[in-house]
PDB file of all heavy atoms in Angstrom:
ATOM      1  N   GLU A   1       0.825  -1.205   0.000  1.00  0.00           N
ATOM      2  CA  GLU A   1       0.000   0.000   0.000  1.00  0.00           C
ATOM      3  C   GLU A   1       0.861   1.258   0.000  1.00  0.00           C
ATOM      4  O   GLU A   1       0.584   2.213  -0.724  1.00  0.00           O
ATOM      5  CB  GLU A   1      -0.927   0.015   1.210  1.00  0.00           C
ATOM      6  CG  GLU A   1      -1.804   1.250   1.255  1.00  0.00           C
ATOM      7  CD  GLU A   1      -2.704   1.292   2.461  1.00  0.00           C
ATOM      8  OE1 GLU A   1      -2.204   1.116   3.590  1.00  0.00           O
ATOM      9  OE2 GLU A   1      -3.904   1.508   2.260  1.00  0.00           O
ATOM     10  N   HIS A   2       1.925   1.255   0.785  1.00  0.00           N
ATOM     11  CA  HIS A   2       2.809   2.426   0.821  1.00  0.00           C
ATOM     12  C   HIS A   2       3.521   2.633  -0.518  1.00  0.00           C
ATOM     13  O   HIS A   2       3.681   3.767  -0.967  1.00  0.00           O
ATOM     14  CB  HIS A   2       3.825   2.300   1.963  1.00  0.00           C
ATOM     15  CG  HIS A   2       3.258   2.658   3.288  1.00  0.00           C
ATOM     16  ND1 HIS A   2       2.502   1.784   4.031  1.00  0.00           N
ATOM     17  CD2 HIS A   2       3.321   3.797   3.998  1.00  0.00           C
ATOM     18  CE1 HIS A   2       2.133   2.377   5.152  1.00  0.00           C
ATOM     19  NE2 HIS A   2       2.619   3.604   5.150  1.00  0.00           N
ATOM     20  N   VAL A   3       3.913   1.550  -1.156  1.00  0.00           N
ATOM     21  CA  VAL A   3       4.540   1.657  -2.475  1.00  0.00           C
ATOM     22  C   VAL A   3       3.524   2.210  -3.476  1.00  0.00           C
ATOM     23  O   VAL A   3       3.841   3.099  -4.270  1.00  0.00           O
ATOM     24  CB  VAL A   3       5.099   0.288  -2.939  1.00  0.00           C
ATOM     25  CG1 VAL A   3       5.496   0.312  -4.406  1.00  0.00           C
ATOM     26  CG2 VAL A   3       6.290  -0.117  -2.072  1.00  0.00           C
ATOM     27  N   ASP A   4       2.301   1.710  -3.419  1.00  0.00           N
ATOM     28  CA  ASP A   4       1.257   2.183  -4.316  1.00  0.00           C
ATOM     29  C   ASP A   4       0.961   3.666  -4.094  1.00  0.00           C
ATOM     30  O   ASP A   4       0.681   4.398  -5.050  1.00  0.00           O
ATOM     31  CB  ASP A   4      -0.009   1.349  -4.129  1.00  0.00           C
ATOM     32  CG  ASP A   4      -1.040   1.613  -5.203  1.00  0.00           C
ATOM     33  OD1 ASP A   4      -0.678   1.625  -6.401  1.00  0.00           O
ATOM     34  OD2 ASP A   4      -2.222   1.809  -4.850  1.00  0.00           O
ATOM     35  N   GLU A   5       1.033   4.126  -2.855  1.00  0.00           N
ATOM     36  CA  GLU A   5       0.796   5.540  -2.563  1.00  0.00           C
ATOM     37  C   GLU A   5       1.820   6.443  -3.253  1.00  0.00           C
ATOM     38  O   GLU A   5       1.492   7.574  -3.625  1.00  0.00           O
ATOM     39  CB  GLU A   5       0.801   5.789  -1.059  1.00  0.00           C
ATOM     40  CG  GLU A   5      -0.451   5.299  -0.375  1.00  0.00           C
ATOM     41  CD  GLU A   5      -0.416   5.426   1.136  1.00  0.00           C
ATOM     42  OE1 GLU A   5       0.584   5.952   1.695  1.00  0.00           O
ATOM     43  OE2 GLU A   5      -1.383   4.987   1.765  1.00  0.00           O
ATOM     44  N   LEU A   6       3.037   5.949  -3.436  1.00  0.00           N
ATOM     45  CA  LEU A   6       4.028   6.735  -4.183  1.00  0.00           C
ATOM     46  C   LEU A   6       3.529   7.015  -5.596  1.00  0.00           C
ATOM     47  O   LEU A   6       3.644   8.126  -6.099  1.00  0.00           O
ATOM     48  CB  LEU A   6       5.371   6.000  -4.248  1.00  0.00           C
ATOM     49  CG  LEU A   6       6.178   5.913  -2.972  1.00  0.00           C
ATOM     50  CD1 LEU A   6       7.422   5.052  -3.200  1.00  0.00           C
ATOM     51  CD2 LEU A   6       6.576   7.291  -2.483  1.00  0.00           C
ATOM     52  N   ARG A   7       2.981   5.991  -6.230  1.00  0.00           N
ATOM     53  CA  ARG A   7       2.446   6.167  -7.590  1.00  0.00           C
ATOM     54  C   ARG A   7       1.272   7.143  -7.581  1.00  0.00           C
ATOM     55  O   ARG A   7       1.158   7.989  -8.457  1.00  0.00           O
ATOM     56  CB  ARG A   7       1.985   4.837  -8.162  1.00  0.00           C
ATOM     57  CG  ARG A   7       3.120   3.973  -8.594  1.00  0.00           C
ATOM     58  CD  ARG A   7       2.693   3.108  -9.768  1.00  0.00           C
ATOM     59  NE  ARG A   7       3.678   2.092  -9.997  1.00  0.00           N
ATOM     60  CZ  ARG A   7       4.732   2.248 -10.788  1.00  0.00           C
ATOM     61  NH1 ARG A   7       4.937   3.392 -11.399  1.00  0.00           N
ATOM     62  NH2 ARG A   7       5.589   1.279 -10.957  1.00  0.00           N
ATOM     63  N   MET A   8       0.394   7.004  -6.584  1.00  0.00           N
ATOM     64  CA  MET A   8      -0.778   7.888  -6.526  1.00  0.00           C
ATOM     65  C   MET A   8      -0.377   9.339  -6.276  1.00  0.00           C
ATOM     66  O   MET A   8      -1.085  10.250  -6.673  1.00  0.00           O
ATOM     67  CB  MET A   8      -1.750   7.408  -5.442  1.00  0.00           C
ATOM     68  CG  MET A   8      -2.418   6.100  -5.805  1.00  0.00           C
ATOM     69  SD  MET A   8      -3.763   5.595  -4.715  1.00  0.00           S
ATOM     70  CE  MET A   8      -2.997   5.558  -3.117  1.00  0.00           C
ATOM     71  N   ARG A   9       0.771   9.542  -5.619  1.00  0.00           N
ATOM     72  CA  ARG A   9       1.261  10.901  -5.385  1.00  0.00           C
ATOM     73  C   ARG A   9       1.975  11.469  -6.598  1.00  0.00           C
ATOM     74  O   ARG A   9       2.459  12.594  -6.562  1.00  0.00           O
ATOM     75  CB  ARG A   9       2.199  10.929  -4.181  1.00  0.00           C
ATOM     76  CG  ARG A   9       1.446  10.906  -2.865  1.00  0.00           C
ATOM     77  CD  ARG A   9       2.374  11.176  -1.711  1.00  0.00           C
ATOM     78  NE  ARG A   9       2.529   9.928  -0.969  1.00  0.00           N
ATOM     79  CZ  ARG A   9       3.639   9.507  -0.413  1.00  0.00           C
ATOM     80  NH1 ARG A   9       4.744  10.222  -0.492  1.00  0.00           N
ATOM     81  NH2 ARG A   9       3.678   8.365   0.230  1.00  0.00           N
ATOM     82  N   GLY A  10       2.099  10.665  -7.646  1.00  0.00           N
ATOM     83  CA  GLY A  10       2.669  11.164  -8.884  1.00  0.00           C
ATOM     84  C   GLY A  10       4.167  10.985  -9.029  1.00  0.00           C
ATOM     85  O   GLY A  10       4.783  11.637  -9.860  1.00  0.00           O
ATOM     86  N   VAL A  11       4.764  10.106  -8.236  1.00  0.00           N
ATOM     87  CA  VAL A  11       6.190   9.834  -8.421  1.00  0.00           C
ATOM     88  C   VAL A  11       6.353   9.212  -9.802  1.00  0.00           C
ATOM     89  O   VAL A  11       5.687   8.240 -10.141  1.00  0.00           O
ATOM     90  CB  VAL A  11       6.738   8.894  -7.321  1.00  0.00           C
ATOM     91  CG1 VAL A  11       8.190   8.547  -7.576  1.00  0.00           C
ATOM     92  CG2 VAL A  11       6.570   9.531  -5.945  1.00  0.00           C
ATOM     93  N   THR A  12       7.205   9.795 -10.605  1.00  0.00           N
ATOM     94  CA  THR A  12       7.353   9.363 -11.987  1.00  0.00           C
ATOM     95  C   THR A  12       8.091   8.038 -12.091  1.00  0.00           C
ATOM     96  O   THR A  12       8.835   7.647 -11.190  1.00  0.00           O
ATOM     97  CB  THR A  12       8.108  10.421 -12.813  1.00  0.00           C
ATOM     98  OG1 THR A  12       9.440  10.548 -12.292  1.00  0.00           O
ATOM     99  CG2 THR A  12       7.409  11.756 -12.758  1.00  0.00           C
ATOM    100  N   SER A  13       7.905   7.382 -13.216  1.00  0.00           N
ATOM    101  CA  SER A  13       8.542   6.084 -13.414  1.00  0.00           C
ATOM    102  C   SER A  13      10.062   6.183 -13.386  1.00  0.00           C
ATOM    103  O   SER A  13      10.744   5.232 -13.025  1.00  0.00           O
ATOM    104  CB  SER A  13       8.067   5.440 -14.714  1.00  0.00           C
ATOM    105  OG  SER A  13       8.352   6.273 -15.798  1.00  0.00           O
ATOM    106  N   ASP A  14      10.595   7.352 -13.773  1.00  0.00           N
ATOM    107  CA  ASP A  14      12.047   7.533 -13.753  1.00  0.00           C
ATOM    108  C   ASP A  14      12.606   7.442 -12.335  1.00  0.00           C
ATOM    109  O   ASP A  14      13.697   6.934 -12.125  1.00  0.00           O
ATOM    110  CB  ASP A  14      12.438   8.886 -14.358  1.00  0.00           C
ATOM    111  CG  ASP A  14      12.133   8.973 -15.839  1.00  0.00           C
ATOM    112  OD1 ASP A  14      11.969   7.912 -16.480  1.00  0.00           O
ATOM    113  OD2 ASP A  14      12.052  10.099 -16.341  1.00  0.00           O
ATOM    114  N   SER A  15      11.881   7.953 -11.366  1.00  0.00           N
ATOM    115  CA  SER A  15      12.386   7.977  -9.993  1.00  0.00           C
ATOM    116  C   SER A  15      11.649   7.017  -9.072  1.00  0.00           C
ATOM    117  O   SER A  15      11.994   6.897  -7.902  1.00  0.00           O
ATOM    118  CB  SER A  15      12.286   9.395  -9.432  1.00  0.00           C
ATOM    119  OG  SER A  15      10.940   9.823  -9.415  1.00  0.00           O
ATOM    120  N   PHE A  16      10.634   6.309  -9.604  1.00  0.00           N
ATOM    121  CA  PHE A  16       9.791   5.477  -8.754  1.00  0.00           C
ATOM    122  C   PHE A  16      10.563   4.376  -8.037  1.00  0.00           C
ATOM    123  O   PHE A  16      10.431   4.206  -6.826  1.00  0.00           O
ATOM    124  CB  PHE A  16       8.637   4.875  -9.558  1.00  0.00           C
ATOM    125  CG  PHE A  16       7.800   3.943  -8.739  1.00  0.00           C
ATOM    126  CD1 PHE A  16       6.888   4.444  -7.827  1.00  0.00           C
ATOM    127  CD2 PHE A  16       7.950   2.573  -8.847  1.00  0.00           C
ATOM    128  CE1 PHE A  16       6.129   3.594  -7.044  1.00  0.00           C
ATOM    129  CE2 PHE A  16       7.201   1.710  -8.068  1.00  0.00           C
ATOM    130  CZ  PHE A  16       6.283   2.219  -7.170  1.00  0.00           C
ATOM    131  N   GLN A  17      11.362   3.606  -8.770  1.00  0.00           N
ATOM    132  CA  GLN A  17      12.069   2.475  -8.153  1.00  0.00           C
ATOM    133  C   GLN A  17      12.976   2.939  -7.026  1.00  0.00           C
ATOM    134  O   GLN A  17      13.017   2.332  -5.959  1.00  0.00           O
ATOM    135  CB  GLN A  17      12.867   1.695  -9.211  1.00  0.00           C
ATOM    136  CG  GLN A  17      12.006   0.979 -10.226  1.00  0.00           C
ATOM    137  CD  GLN A  17      11.115  -0.087  -9.598  1.00  0.00           C
ATOM    138  OE1 GLN A  17      11.406  -0.647  -8.554  1.00  0.00           O
ATOM    139  NE2 GLN A  17      10.004  -0.355 -10.246  1.00  0.00           N
ATOM    140  N   ALA A  18      13.705   4.004  -7.246  1.00  0.00           N
ATOM    141  CA  ALA A  18      14.608   4.515  -6.209  1.00  0.00           C
ATOM    142  C   ALA A  18      13.825   5.035  -5.009  1.00  0.00           C
ATOM    143  O   ALA A  18      14.203   4.780  -3.856  1.00  0.00           O
ATOM    144  CB  ALA A  18      15.495   5.623  -6.780  1.00  0.00           C
ATOM    145  N   ALA A  19      12.736   5.748  -5.261  1.00  0.00           N
ATOM    146  CA  ALA A  19      11.926   6.283  -4.167  1.00  0.00           C
ATOM    147  C   ALA A  19      11.282   5.159  -3.360  1.00  0.00           C
ATOM    148  O   ALA A  19      11.245   5.204  -2.123  1.00  0.00           O
ATOM    149  CB  ALA A  19      10.851   7.221  -4.713  1.00  0.00           C
ATOM    150  N   ALA A  20      10.782   4.138  -4.047  1.00  0.00           N
ATOM    151  CA  ALA A  20      10.154   3.011  -3.361  1.00  0.00           C
ATOM    152  C   ALA A  20      11.180   2.235  -2.536  1.00  0.00           C
ATOM    153  O   ALA A  20      10.910   1.854  -1.395  1.00  0.00           O
ATOM    154  CB  ALA A  20       9.473   2.094  -4.370  1.00  0.00           C
ATOM    155  N   ALA A  21      12.351   2.017  -3.087  1.00  0.00           N
ATOM    156  CA  ALA A  21      13.408   1.311  -2.359  1.00  0.00           C
ATOM    157  C   ALA A  21      13.844   2.096  -1.130  1.00  0.00           C
ATOM    158  O   ALA A  21      14.036   1.521  -0.049  1.00  0.00           O
ATOM    159  CB  ALA A  21      14.598   1.050  -3.274  1.00  0.00           C
ATOM    160  N   LYS A  22      13.982   3.408  -1.259  1.00  0.00           N
ATOM    161  CA  LYS A  22      14.374   4.237  -0.122  1.00  0.00           C
ATOM    162  C   LYS A  22      13.300   4.225   0.960  1.00  0.00           C
ATOM    163  O   LYS A  22      13.598   4.064   2.143  1.00  0.00           O
ATOM    164  CB  LYS A  22      14.649   5.672  -0.563  1.00  0.00           C
ATOM    165  CG  LYS A  22      15.069   6.579   0.601  1.00  0.00           C
ATOM    166  CD  LYS A  22      15.468   7.950   0.147  1.00  0.00           C
ATOM    167  CE  LYS A  22      15.890   8.900   1.232  1.00  0.00           C
ATOM    168  NZ  LYS A  22      15.864   8.495   2.604  1.00  0.00           N
ATOM    169  N   MET A  23      12.039   4.358   0.563  1.00  0.00           N
ATOM    170  CA  MET A  23      10.952   4.336   1.531  1.00  0.00           C
ATOM    171  C   MET A  23      10.912   3.001   2.273  1.00  0.00           C
ATOM    172  O   MET A  23      10.787   2.963   3.493  1.00  0.00           O
ATOM    173  CB  MET A  23       9.613   4.580   0.836  1.00  0.00           C
ATOM    174  CG  MET A  23       8.458   4.652   1.803  1.00  0.00           C
ATOM    175  SD  MET A  23       6.910   3.930   1.247  1.00  0.00           S
ATOM    176  CE  MET A  23       7.332   2.600   0.198  1.00  0.00           C
ATOM    177  N   ALA A  24      11.047   1.901   1.536  1.00  0.00           N
ATOM    178  CA  ALA A  24      11.018   0.581   2.152  1.00  0.00           C
ATOM    179  C   ALA A  24      12.201   0.388   3.100  1.00  0.00           C
ATOM    180  O   ALA A  24      12.037  -0.077   4.227  1.00  0.00           O
ATOM    181  CB  ALA A  24      11.027  -0.496   1.064  1.00  0.00           C
ATOM    182  N   THR A  25      13.377   0.766   2.662  1.00  0.00           N
ATOM    183  CA  THR A  25      14.590   0.623   3.476  1.00  0.00           C
ATOM    184  C   THR A  25      14.519   1.501   4.722  1.00  0.00           C
ATOM    185  O   THR A  25      14.843   1.051   5.825  1.00  0.00           O
ATOM    186  CB  THR A  25      15.837   0.975   2.649  1.00  0.00           C
ATOM    187  OG1 THR A  25      15.881   0.121   1.502  1.00  0.00           O
ATOM    188  CG2 THR A  25      17.106   0.790   3.440  1.00  0.00           C
ATOM    189  N   ASP A  26      14.077   2.736   4.551  1.00  0.00           N
ATOM    190  CA  ASP A  26      13.966   3.651   5.692  1.00  0.00           C
ATOM    191  C   ASP A  26      12.959   3.153   6.728  1.00  0.00           C
ATOM    192  O   ASP A  26      13.117   3.399   7.920  1.00  0.00           O
ATOM    193  CB  ASP A  26      13.561   5.056   5.237  1.00  0.00           C
ATOM    194  CG  ASP A  26      14.661   5.780   4.494  1.00  0.00           C
ATOM    195  OD1 ASP A  26      15.814   5.296   4.464  1.00  0.00           O
ATOM    196  OD2 ASP A  26      14.356   6.856   3.921  1.00  0.00           O
ATOM    197  N   GLY A  27      11.917   2.456   6.269  1.00  0.00           N
ATOM    198  CA  GLY A  27      10.880   1.977   7.186  1.00  0.00           C
ATOM    199  C   GLY A  27      11.097   0.567   7.707  1.00  0.00           C
ATOM    200  O   GLY A  27      10.321   0.085   8.541  1.00  0.00           O
ATOM    201  N   ALA A  28      12.149  -0.111   7.237  1.00  0.00           N
ATOM    202  CA  ALA A  28      12.405  -1.489   7.664  1.00  0.00           C
ATOM    203  C   ALA A  28      12.692  -1.537   9.162  1.00  0.00           C
ATOM    204  O   ALA A  28      13.551  -0.819   9.663  1.00  0.00           O
ATOM    205  CB  ALA A  28      13.577  -2.082   6.882  1.00  0.00           C
ATOM    206  N   GLY A  29      11.935  -2.351   9.860  1.00  0.00           N
ATOM    207  CA  GLY A  29      12.125  -2.508  11.301  1.00  0.00           C
ATOM    208  C   GLY A  29      11.265  -1.575  12.136  1.00  0.00           C
ATOM    209  O   GLY A  29      11.153  -1.756  13.341  1.00  0.00           O
ATOM    210  N   THR A  30      10.661  -0.584  11.503  1.00  0.00           N
ATOM    211  CA  THR A  30       9.739   0.305  12.223  1.00  0.00           C
ATOM    212  C   THR A  30       8.339   0.134  11.634  1.00  0.00           C
ATOM    213  O   THR A  30       7.485  -0.485  12.244  1.00  0.00           O
ATOM    214  CB  THR A  30      10.189   1.781  12.159  1.00  0.00           C
ATOM    215  OG1 THR A  30      10.355   2.181  10.802  1.00  0.00           O
ATOM    216  CG2 THR A  30      11.463   1.990  12.935  1.00  0.00           C
ATOM    217  N   ARG A  31       8.132   0.673  10.455  1.00  0.00           N
ATOM    218  CA  ARG A  31       6.827   0.501   9.806  1.00  0.00           C
ATOM    219  C   ARG A  31       6.710  -0.873   9.158  1.00  0.00           C
ATOM    220  O   ARG A  31       5.648  -1.492   9.203  1.00  0.00           O
ATOM    221  CB  ARG A  31       6.615   1.565   8.725  1.00  0.00           C
ATOM    222  CG  ARG A  31       6.365   2.935   9.274  1.00  0.00           C
ATOM    223  CD  ARG A  31       6.072   3.914   8.164  1.00  0.00           C
ATOM    224  NE  ARG A  31       7.278   4.102   7.367  1.00  0.00           N
ATOM    225  CZ  ARG A  31       7.342   4.745   6.224  1.00  0.00           C
ATOM    226  NH1 ARG A  31       6.265   5.250   5.698  1.00  0.00           N
ATOM    227  NH2 ARG A  31       8.478   4.883   5.591  1.00  0.00           N
ATOM    228  N   PHE A  32       7.781  -1.313   8.531  1.00  0.00           N
ATOM    229  CA  PHE A  32       7.714  -2.515   7.710  1.00  0.00           C
ATOM    230  C   PHE A  32       8.567  -3.642   8.274  1.00  0.00           C
ATOM    231  O   PHE A  32       9.629  -3.423   8.862  1.00  0.00           O
ATOM    232  CB  PHE A  32       8.196  -2.202   6.281  1.00  0.00           C
ATOM    233  CG  PHE A  32       7.560  -0.982   5.680  1.00  0.00           C
ATOM    234  CD1 PHE A  32       8.345   0.066   5.223  1.00  0.00           C
ATOM    235  CD2 PHE A  32       6.195  -0.869   5.575  1.00  0.00           C
ATOM    236  CE1 PHE A  32       7.782   1.192   4.661  1.00  0.00           C
ATOM    237  CE2 PHE A  32       5.608   0.259   5.025  1.00  0.00           C
ATOM    238  CZ  PHE A  32       6.404   1.295   4.562  1.00  0.00           C
ATOM    239  N   ASP A  33       8.106  -4.857   8.019  1.00  0.00           N
ATOM    240  CA  ASP A  33       8.842  -6.064   8.401  1.00  0.00           C
ATOM    241  C   ASP A  33      10.124  -6.135   7.567  1.00  0.00           C
ATOM    242  O   ASP A  33      10.090  -5.978   6.344  1.00  0.00           O
ATOM    243  CB  ASP A  33       7.941  -7.267   8.123  1.00  0.00           C
ATOM    244  CG  ASP A  33       8.567  -8.577   8.494  1.00  0.00           C
ATOM    245  OD1 ASP A  33       9.554  -8.969   7.835  1.00  0.00           O
ATOM    246  OD2 ASP A  33       8.063  -9.215   9.424  1.00  0.00           O
ATOM    247  N   ARG A  34      11.246  -6.361   8.225  1.00  0.00           N
ATOM    248  CA  ARG A  34      12.533  -6.419   7.508  1.00  0.00           C
ATOM    249  C   ARG A  34      12.557  -7.512   6.437  1.00  0.00           C
ATOM    250  O   ARG A  34      13.108  -7.307   5.355  1.00  0.00           O
ATOM    251  CB  ARG A  34      13.682  -6.634   8.497  1.00  0.00           C
ATOM    252  CG  ARG A  34      13.951  -5.436   9.381  1.00  0.00           C
ATOM    253  CD  ARG A  34      15.171  -5.702  10.291  1.00  0.00           C
ATOM    254  NE  ARG A  34      15.294  -4.695  11.318  1.00  0.00           N
ATOM    255  CZ  ARG A  34      15.834  -3.487  11.133  1.00  0.00           C
ATOM    256  NH1 ARG A  34      16.280  -3.147   9.948  1.00  0.00           N
ATOM    257  NH2 ARG A  34      15.898  -2.633  12.137  1.00  0.00           N
ATOM    258  N   ALA A  35      11.968  -8.671   6.740  1.00  0.00           N
ATOM    259  CA  ALA A  35      11.957  -9.764   5.759  1.00  0.00           C
ATOM    260  C   ALA A  35      11.089  -9.405   4.550  1.00  0.00           C
ATOM    261  O   ALA A  35      11.441  -9.737   3.412  1.00  0.00           O
ATOM    262  CB  ALA A  35      11.458 -11.052   6.401  1.00  0.00           C
TER     263      ALA A  35
END
């Protein structure tokens, strides 16, 4: 859902993968399960 919200906020395909990876990594262990 959080990854999908990036798309809904208009993150472009050029920067989407990097933004999604950063969001996931930054939230690992707090918001998101590390595995």
